[in-house]
Amino acid sequence: MSGMQWLRTGLIAVVGAAYLWLGHQASISSDPPLLSLLIGLAPLSVSALLLAWASRSPWLLGLCVVALLAMLLKLDYLRANTAWVYFIQHAGMHAMLGVMFGRTLGHDHSAALCSQVSRVVYGNDLDAAFYLYTWRVTVVWTAYFALTTLLSVLLFWLGPLAWWSVFANLLTPVIIGAIFVIEFAIRQRTLPRNRHASIAQTIKAYREYSQRKQ
């Protein structure tokens, strides 16, 4: 990578780490600052608005605007329950992704979500062995999302809030990164040499795939 790419990657890492640490502190605090609440609401709010805008539905867009206005009117209440904001975002996101990945498993191996993303990278010239591999990767991600959702709910309701916060805000990104690294290492040993898209290329392909589906 060039110097600018290293700088950009480092900046993203620092900002991401700061966001996660702020989320952890806000979740375990009895009096979190308003900034931590707004930062916690930002990803969910922006995602909802982008999806509503992409759907071109005035009703859905209007519903999102009304929901945002309602949240602004209830900032004091939300601030007193900041942990709930982060919990709903964490568990809800993983549950949604679990459904998104899992619903593609019941058909042909080539229909699995990771198979579809792979076609964005490699094109349609993929054999049955490759599709079997990407189907299995989809199974792994589906299982991860399901187990993470379950553990998030159990820790939030049954364990100390600090335990849930460490798992959700600090350990989750580490686990996701580890899955990417392990999968990449397995792919290098399992698949032909020309099937070694980097982790960054895989993430970029997923984004492109998501844009095509909108």
C-alpha atoms as a PDB file:
ATOM      1  CA  MET A   1       0.000   0.000   0.000  1.00  0.00           C
ATOM      2  CA  SER A   2       1.060   3.577  -0.598  1.00  0.00           C
ATOM      3  CA  GLY A   3       1.768   6.047   2.179  1.00  0.00           C
ATOM      4  CA  MET A   4      -1.644   7.675   1.784  1.00  0.00           C
ATOM      5  CA  GLN A   5      -3.381   4.296   1.932  1.00  0.00           C
ATOM      6  CA  TRP A   6      -1.524   3.413   5.133  1.00  0.00           C
ATOM      7  CA  LEU A   7      -2.471   6.793   6.574  1.00  0.00           C
ATOM      8  CA  ARG A   8      -6.118   6.336   5.644  1.00  0.00           C
ATOM      9  CA  THR A   9      -6.173   2.808   7.064  1.00  0.00           C
ATOM     10  CA  GLY A  10      -4.551   4.002  10.284  1.00  0.00           C
ATOM     11  CA  LEU A  11      -7.003   6.882  10.597  1.00  0.00           C
ATOM     12  CA  ILE A  12      -9.968   4.556  10.088  1.00  0.00           C
ATOM     13  CA  ALA A  13      -8.553   2.190  12.722  1.00  0.00           C
ATOM     14  CA  VAL A  14      -8.109   5.008  15.249  1.00  0.00           C
ATOM     15  CA  VAL A  15     -11.597   6.412  14.641  1.00  0.00           C
ATOM     16  CA  GLY A  16     -13.104   2.921  14.826  1.00  0.00           C
ATOM     17  CA  ALA A  17     -11.312   2.135  18.080  1.00  0.00           C
ATOM     18  CA  ALA A  18     -12.424   5.457  19.567  1.00  0.00           C
ATOM     19  CA  TYR A  19     -16.025   4.756  18.558  1.00  0.00           C
ATOM     20  CA  LEU A  20     -15.958   1.297  20.132  1.00  0.00           C
ATOM     21  CA  TRP A  21     -14.376   2.556  23.355  1.00  0.00           C
ATOM     22  CA  LEU A  22     -16.880   5.399  23.605  1.00  0.00           C
ATOM     23  CA  GLY A  23     -19.706   2.924  23.070  1.00  0.00           C
ATOM     24  CA  HIS A  24     -18.332   0.717  25.832  1.00  0.00           C
ATOM     25  CA  GLN A  25     -18.024   3.605  28.271  1.00  0.00           C
ATOM     26  CA  ALA A  26     -21.496   4.909  27.400  1.00  0.00           C
ATOM     27  CA  SER A  27     -23.073   1.473  27.863  1.00  0.00           C
ATOM     28  CA  ILE A  28     -21.726   0.965  31.374  1.00  0.00           C
ATOM     29  CA  SER A  29     -22.155   4.569  32.570  1.00  0.00           C
ATOM     30  CA  SER A  30     -25.125   5.616  34.702  1.00  0.00           C
ATOM     31  CA  ASP A  31     -24.864   9.152  33.307  1.00  0.00           C
ATOM     32  CA  PRO A  32     -23.442   8.951  29.768  1.00  0.00           C
ATOM     33  CA  PRO A  33     -22.728  12.171  27.855  1.00  0.00           C
ATOM     34  CA  LEU A  34     -25.168  13.224  25.154  1.00  0.00           C
ATOM     35  CA  LEU A  35     -22.428  12.864  22.540  1.00  0.00           C
ATOM     36  CA  SER A  36     -22.157   9.131  23.199  1.00  0.00           C
ATOM     37  CA  LEU A  37     -25.898   8.732  22.628  1.00  0.00           C
ATOM     38  CA  LEU A  38     -25.796  10.680  19.359  1.00  0.00           C
ATOM     39  CA  ILE A  39     -22.831   8.637  18.143  1.00  0.00           C
ATOM     40  CA  GLY A  40     -24.668   5.462  19.086  1.00  0.00           C
ATOM     41  CA  LEU A  41     -27.773   6.535  17.171  1.00  0.00           C
ATOM     42  CA  ALA A  42     -25.870   7.690  14.089  1.00  0.00           C
ATOM     43  CA  PRO A  43     -25.162   4.322  12.349  1.00  0.00           C
ATOM     44  CA  LEU A  44     -28.724   3.058  12.772  1.00  0.00           C
ATOM     45  CA  SER A  45     -30.273   6.373  11.735  1.00  0.00           C
ATOM     46  CA  VAL A  46     -28.063   6.865   8.684  1.00  0.00           C
ATOM     47  CA  SER A  47     -28.587   3.254   7.560  1.00  0.00           C
ATOM     48  CA  ALA A  48     -32.361   3.578   7.878  1.00  0.00           C
ATOM     49  CA  LEU A  49     -32.393   6.829   5.902  1.00  0.00           C
ATOM     50  CA  LEU A  50     -30.184   5.402   3.149  1.00  0.00           C
ATOM     51  CA  LEU A  51     -32.354   2.300   2.816  1.00  0.00           C
ATOM     52  CA  ALA A  52     -35.507   4.411   2.744  1.00  0.00           C
ATOM     53  CA  TRP A  53     -33.995   6.712   0.118  1.00  0.00           C
ATOM     54  CA  ALA A  54     -32.859   3.745  -2.005  1.00  0.00           C
ATOM     55  CA  SER A  55     -36.344   2.204  -1.826  1.00  0.00           C
ATOM     56  CA  ARG A  56     -37.790   5.379  -3.415  1.00  0.00           C
ATOM     57  CA  SER A  57     -40.801   4.984  -1.148  1.00  0.00           C
ATOM     58  CA  PRO A  58     -42.088   8.344   0.160  1.00  0.00           C
ATOM     59  CA  TRP A  59     -43.998   6.519   2.902  1.00  0.00           C
ATOM     60  CA  LEU A  60     -40.896   4.731   4.182  1.00  0.00           C
ATOM     61  CA  LEU A  61     -38.816   7.895   3.967  1.00  0.00           C
ATOM     62  CA  GLY A  62     -41.501   9.837   5.813  1.00  0.00           C
ATOM     63  CA  LEU A  63     -41.649   7.151   8.499  1.00  0.00           C
ATOM     64  CA  CYS A  64     -37.893   7.427   9.016  1.00  0.00           C
ATOM     65  CA  VAL A  65     -38.101  11.217   9.328  1.00  0.00           C
ATOM     66  CA  VAL A  66     -40.920  10.928  11.879  1.00  0.00           C
ATOM     67  CA  ALA A  67     -38.909   8.360  13.851  1.00  0.00           C
ATOM     68  CA  LEU A  68     -35.864  10.645  13.875  1.00  0.00           C
ATOM     69  CA  LEU A  69     -37.956  13.592  15.061  1.00  0.00           C
ATOM     70  CA  ALA A  70     -39.443  11.415  17.811  1.00  0.00           C
ATOM     71  CA  MET A  71     -35.947  10.440  18.948  1.00  0.00           C
ATOM     72  CA  LEU A  72     -34.874  14.076  19.023  1.00  0.00           C
ATOM     73  CA  LEU A  73     -37.855  14.888  21.236  1.00  0.00           C
ATOM     74  CA  LYS A  74     -36.961  12.023  23.581  1.00  0.00           C
ATOM     75  CA  LEU A  75     -33.212  12.578  23.849  1.00  0.00           C
ATOM     76  CA  ASP A  76     -33.298  12.823  27.642  1.00  0.00           C
ATOM     77  CA  TYR A  77     -35.112   9.490  27.914  1.00  0.00           C
ATOM     78  CA  LEU A  78     -32.781   7.849  25.402  1.00  0.00           C
ATOM     79  CA  ARG A  79     -29.743   9.268  27.176  1.00  0.00           C
ATOM     80  CA  ALA A  80     -30.906   7.631  30.395  1.00  0.00           C
ATOM     81  CA  ASN A  81     -31.151   4.331  28.490  1.00  0.00           C
ATOM     82  CA  THR A  82     -28.099   4.576  26.256  1.00  0.00           C
ATOM     83  CA  ALA A  83     -27.195   0.937  26.854  1.00  0.00           C
ATOM     84  CA  TRP A  84     -30.506  -0.057  25.264  1.00  0.00           C
ATOM     85  CA  VAL A  85     -29.613   1.938  22.149  1.00  0.00           C
ATOM     86  CA  TYR A  86     -26.342   0.060  21.745  1.00  0.00           C
ATOM     87  CA  PHE A  87     -27.970  -3.283  22.608  1.00  0.00           C
ATOM     88  CA  ILE A  88     -30.760  -2.920  20.043  1.00  0.00           C
ATOM     89  CA  GLN A  89     -28.222  -1.870  17.447  1.00  0.00           C
ATOM     90  CA  HIS A  90     -25.864  -4.780  18.199  1.00  0.00           C
ATOM     91  CA  ALA A  91     -28.409  -7.576  18.539  1.00  0.00           C
ATOM     92  CA  GLY A  92     -30.661  -6.207  15.796  1.00  0.00           C
ATOM     93  CA  MET A  93     -27.851  -5.857  13.270  1.00  0.00           C
ATOM     94  CA  HIS A  94     -26.593  -9.395  13.876  1.00  0.00           C
ATOM     95  CA  ALA A  95     -30.097 -10.855  13.741  1.00  0.00           C
ATOM     96  CA  MET A  96     -30.783  -9.055  10.459  1.00  0.00           C
ATOM     97  CA  LEU A  97     -27.501 -10.234   8.932  1.00  0.00           C
ATOM     98  CA  GLY A  98     -28.163 -13.773  10.147  1.00  0.00           C
ATOM     99  CA  VAL A  99     -31.493 -13.816   8.330  1.00  0.00           C
ATOM    100  CA  MET A 100     -29.923 -12.214   5.241  1.00  0.00           C
ATOM    101  CA  PHE A 101     -27.214 -14.875   5.026  1.00  0.00           C
ATOM    102  CA  GLY A 102     -29.305 -17.807   6.220  1.00  0.00           C
ATOM    103  CA  ARG A 103     -32.183 -17.339   3.789  1.00  0.00           C
ATOM    104  CA  THR A 104     -29.804 -18.011   0.878  1.00  0.00           C
ATOM    105  CA  LEU A 105     -28.731 -21.445   2.132  1.00  0.00           C
ATOM    106  CA  GLY A 106     -31.792 -23.500   1.231  1.00  0.00           C
ATOM    107  CA  HIS A 107     -31.189 -23.523  -2.508  1.00  0.00           C
ATOM    108  CA  ASP A 108     -28.315 -24.418  -4.816  1.00  0.00           C
ATOM    109  CA  HIS A 109     -24.793 -23.775  -3.518  1.00  0.00           C
ATOM    110  CA  SER A 110     -24.381 -21.043  -6.123  1.00  0.00           C
ATOM    111  CA  ALA A 111     -27.303 -19.139  -4.553  1.00  0.00           C
ATOM    112  CA  ALA A 112     -25.601 -18.748  -1.166  1.00  0.00           C
ATOM    113  CA  LEU A 113     -24.821 -15.140  -0.330  1.00  0.00           C
ATOM    114  CA  CYS A 114     -21.049 -15.635  -0.277  1.00  0.00           C
ATOM    115  CA  SER A 115     -21.321 -17.348  -3.668  1.00  0.00           C
ATOM    116  CA  GLN A 116     -23.145 -14.328  -5.060  1.00  0.00           C
ATOM    117  CA  VAL A 117     -20.536 -11.970  -3.635  1.00  0.00           C
ATOM    118  CA  SER A 118     -17.768 -14.121  -5.134  1.00  0.00           C
ATOM    119  CA  ARG A 119     -19.258 -13.673  -8.591  1.00  0.00           C
ATOM    120  CA  VAL A 120     -18.795  -9.921  -8.164  1.00  0.00           C
ATOM    121  CA  VAL A 121     -15.059 -10.558  -7.699  1.00  0.00           C
ATOM    122  CA  TYR A 122     -14.399 -13.465 -10.066  1.00  0.00           C
ATOM    123  CA  GLY A 123     -17.259 -13.403 -12.571  1.00  0.00           C
ATOM    124  CA  ASN A 124     -19.455 -16.379 -13.429  1.00  0.00           C
ATOM    125  CA  ASP A 125     -16.666 -18.822 -14.321  1.00  0.00           C
ATOM    126  CA  LEU A 126     -16.772 -20.710 -11.007  1.00  0.00           C
ATOM    127  CA  ASP A 127     -16.963 -24.482 -10.574  1.00  0.00           C
ATOM    128  CA  ALA A 128     -19.002 -26.670  -8.208  1.00  0.00           C
ATOM    129  CA  ALA A 129     -16.123 -27.082  -5.736  1.00  0.00           C
ATOM    130  CA  PHE A 130     -15.790 -23.318  -5.425  1.00  0.00           C
ATOM    131  CA  TYR A 131     -19.524 -22.904  -4.849  1.00  0.00           C
ATOM    132  CA  LEU A 132     -19.468 -25.645  -2.204  1.00  0.00           C
ATOM    133  CA  TYR A 133     -16.719 -23.742  -0.404  1.00  0.00           C
ATOM    134  CA  THR A 134     -18.561 -20.399  -0.533  1.00  0.00           C
ATOM    135  CA  TRP A 135     -21.757 -22.124   0.610  1.00  0.00           C
ATOM    136  CA  ARG A 136     -19.887 -23.416   3.662  1.00  0.00           C
ATOM    137  CA  VAL A 137     -18.516 -19.921   4.335  1.00  0.00           C
ATOM    138  CA  THR A 138     -22.101 -18.642   4.250  1.00  0.00           C
ATOM    139  CA  VAL A 139     -23.038 -21.311   6.809  1.00  0.00           C
ATOM    140  CA  VAL A 140     -20.194 -20.161   9.072  1.00  0.00           C
ATOM    141  CA  TRP A 141     -21.280 -16.518   8.904  1.00  0.00           C
ATOM    142  CA  THR A 142     -24.912 -17.457   9.488  1.00  0.00           C
ATOM    143  CA  ALA A 143     -23.944 -19.474  12.563  1.00  0.00           C
ATOM    144  CA  TYR A 144     -21.787 -16.613  13.835  1.00  0.00           C
ATOM    145  CA  PHE A 145     -24.587 -14.064  13.464  1.00  0.00           C
ATOM    146  CA  ALA A 146     -27.111 -16.371  15.155  1.00  0.00           C
ATOM    147  CA  LEU A 147     -24.830 -17.236  18.078  1.00  0.00           C
ATOM    148  CA  THR A 148     -23.766 -13.613  18.544  1.00  0.00           C
ATOM    149  CA  THR A 149     -27.391 -12.458  18.620  1.00  0.00           C
ATOM    150  CA  LEU A 150     -28.250 -15.120  21.198  1.00  0.00           C
ATOM    151  CA  LEU A 151     -25.228 -14.351  23.366  1.00  0.00           C
ATOM    152  CA  SER A 152     -25.888 -10.610  23.150  1.00  0.00           C
ATOM    153  CA  VAL A 153     -29.452 -11.098  24.392  1.00  0.00           C
ATOM    154  CA  LEU A 154     -28.427 -13.485  27.178  1.00  0.00           C
ATOM    155  CA  LEU A 155     -25.607 -11.280  28.443  1.00  0.00           C
ATOM    156  CA  PHE A 156     -27.715  -8.127  28.329  1.00  0.00           C
ATOM    157  CA  TRP A 157     -30.610  -9.664  30.242  1.00  0.00           C
ATOM    158  CA  LEU A 158     -28.892 -12.120  32.570  1.00  0.00           C
ATOM    159  CA  GLY A 159     -25.337 -10.903  33.096  1.00  0.00           C
ATOM    160  CA  PRO A 160     -23.675  -7.740  34.359  1.00  0.00           C
ATOM    161  CA  LEU A 161     -23.986  -4.879  31.895  1.00  0.00           C
ATOM    162  CA  ALA A 162     -20.200  -4.546  31.793  1.00  0.00           C
ATOM    163  CA  TRP A 163     -19.889  -8.124  30.481  1.00  0.00           C
ATOM    164  CA  TRP A 164     -22.339  -7.447  27.681  1.00  0.00           C
ATOM    165  CA  SER A 165     -20.590  -4.186  26.792  1.00  0.00           C
ATOM    166  CA  VAL A 166     -17.161  -5.827  26.593  1.00  0.00           C
ATOM    167  CA  PHE A 167     -18.588  -8.533  24.338  1.00  0.00           C
ATOM    168  CA  ALA A 168     -20.629  -6.205  22.117  1.00  0.00           C
ATOM    169  CA  ASN A 169     -18.384  -3.171  21.861  1.00  0.00           C
ATOM    170  CA  LEU A 170     -14.883  -4.615  22.230  1.00  0.00           C
ATOM    171  CA  LEU A 171     -14.848  -8.334  21.401  1.00  0.00           C
ATOM    172  CA  THR A 172     -17.295  -8.412  18.480  1.00  0.00           C
ATOM    173  CA  PRO A 173     -15.029  -6.555  16.013  1.00  0.00           C
ATOM    174  CA  VAL A 174     -12.084  -8.726  17.098  1.00  0.00           C
ATOM    175  CA  ILE A 175     -14.104 -11.899  16.440  1.00  0.00           C
ATOM    176  CA  ILE A 176     -15.239 -10.624  13.040  1.00  0.00           C
ATOM    177  CA  GLY A 177     -11.666  -9.766  12.106  1.00  0.00           C
ATOM    178  CA  ALA A 178     -10.492 -13.204  13.241  1.00  0.00           C
ATOM    179  CA  ILE A 179     -13.126 -14.919  11.075  1.00  0.00           C
ATOM    180  CA  PHE A 180     -11.986 -12.950   8.028  1.00  0.00           C
ATOM    181  CA  VAL A 181      -8.321 -13.803   8.661  1.00  0.00           C
ATOM    182  CA  ILE A 182      -8.982 -17.512   9.319  1.00  0.00           C
ATOM    183  CA  GLU A 183     -11.236 -17.811   6.265  1.00  0.00           C
ATOM    184  CA  PHE A 184      -8.599 -16.140   4.095  1.00  0.00           C
ATOM    185  CA  ALA A 185      -5.936 -18.572   5.350  1.00  0.00           C
ATOM    186  CA  ILE A 186      -8.196 -21.575   4.692  1.00  0.00           C
ATOM    187  CA  ARG A 187      -9.085 -20.243   1.231  1.00  0.00           C
ATOM    188  CA  GLN A 188      -5.405 -20.000   0.312  1.00  0.00           C
ATOM    189  CA  ARG A 189      -4.953 -23.699   1.122  1.00  0.00           C
ATOM    190  CA  THR A 190      -8.257 -24.928  -0.297  1.00  0.00           C
ATOM    191  CA  LEU A 191      -8.859 -23.014  -3.522  1.00  0.00           C
ATOM    192  CA  PRO A 192      -6.728 -22.453  -6.654  1.00  0.00           C
ATOM    193  CA  ARG A 193      -4.169 -19.673  -6.621  1.00  0.00           C
ATOM    194  CA  ASN A 194      -6.307 -17.372  -8.756  1.00  0.00           C
ATOM    195  CA  ARG A 195      -9.104 -17.377  -6.145  1.00  0.00           C
ATOM    196  CA  HIS A 196      -7.300 -15.372  -3.472  1.00  0.00           C
ATOM    197  CA  ALA A 197      -9.166 -12.083  -3.226  1.00  0.00           C
ATOM    198  CA  SER A 198      -7.892 -10.055  -0.290  1.00  0.00           C
ATOM    199  CA  ILE A 199     -10.040  -9.246   2.730  1.00  0.00           C
ATOM    200  CA  ALA A 200     -10.356  -5.655   1.507  1.00  0.00           C
ATOM    201  CA  GLN A 201     -11.476  -6.880  -1.934  1.00  0.00           C
ATOM    202  CA  THR A 202     -14.029  -9.167  -0.305  1.00  0.00           C
ATOM    203  CA  ILE A 203     -15.502  -6.311   1.741  1.00  0.00           C
ATOM    204  CA  LYS A 204     -15.570  -4.079  -1.347  1.00  0.00           C
ATOM    205  CA  ALA A 205     -17.320  -6.823  -3.330  1.00  0.00           C
ATOM    206  CA  TYR A 206     -19.964  -7.205  -0.613  1.00  0.00           C
ATOM    207  CA  ARG A 207     -20.643  -3.467  -0.727  1.00  0.00           C
ATOM    208  CA  GLU A 208     -20.974  -3.599  -4.507  1.00  0.00           C
ATOM    209  CA  TYR A 209     -23.272  -6.608  -4.218  1.00  0.00           C
ATOM    210  CA  SER A 210     -25.446  -4.759  -1.689  1.00  0.00           C
ATOM    211  CA  GLN A 211     -25.696  -1.743  -3.991  1.00  0.00           C
ATOM    212  CA  ARG A 212     -26.786  -3.968  -6.872  1.00  0.00           C
ATOM    213  CA  LYS A 213     -29.522  -5.508  -4.719  1.00  0.00           C
ATOM    214  CA  GLN A 214     -31.025  -2.127  -3.814  1.00  0.00           C
END
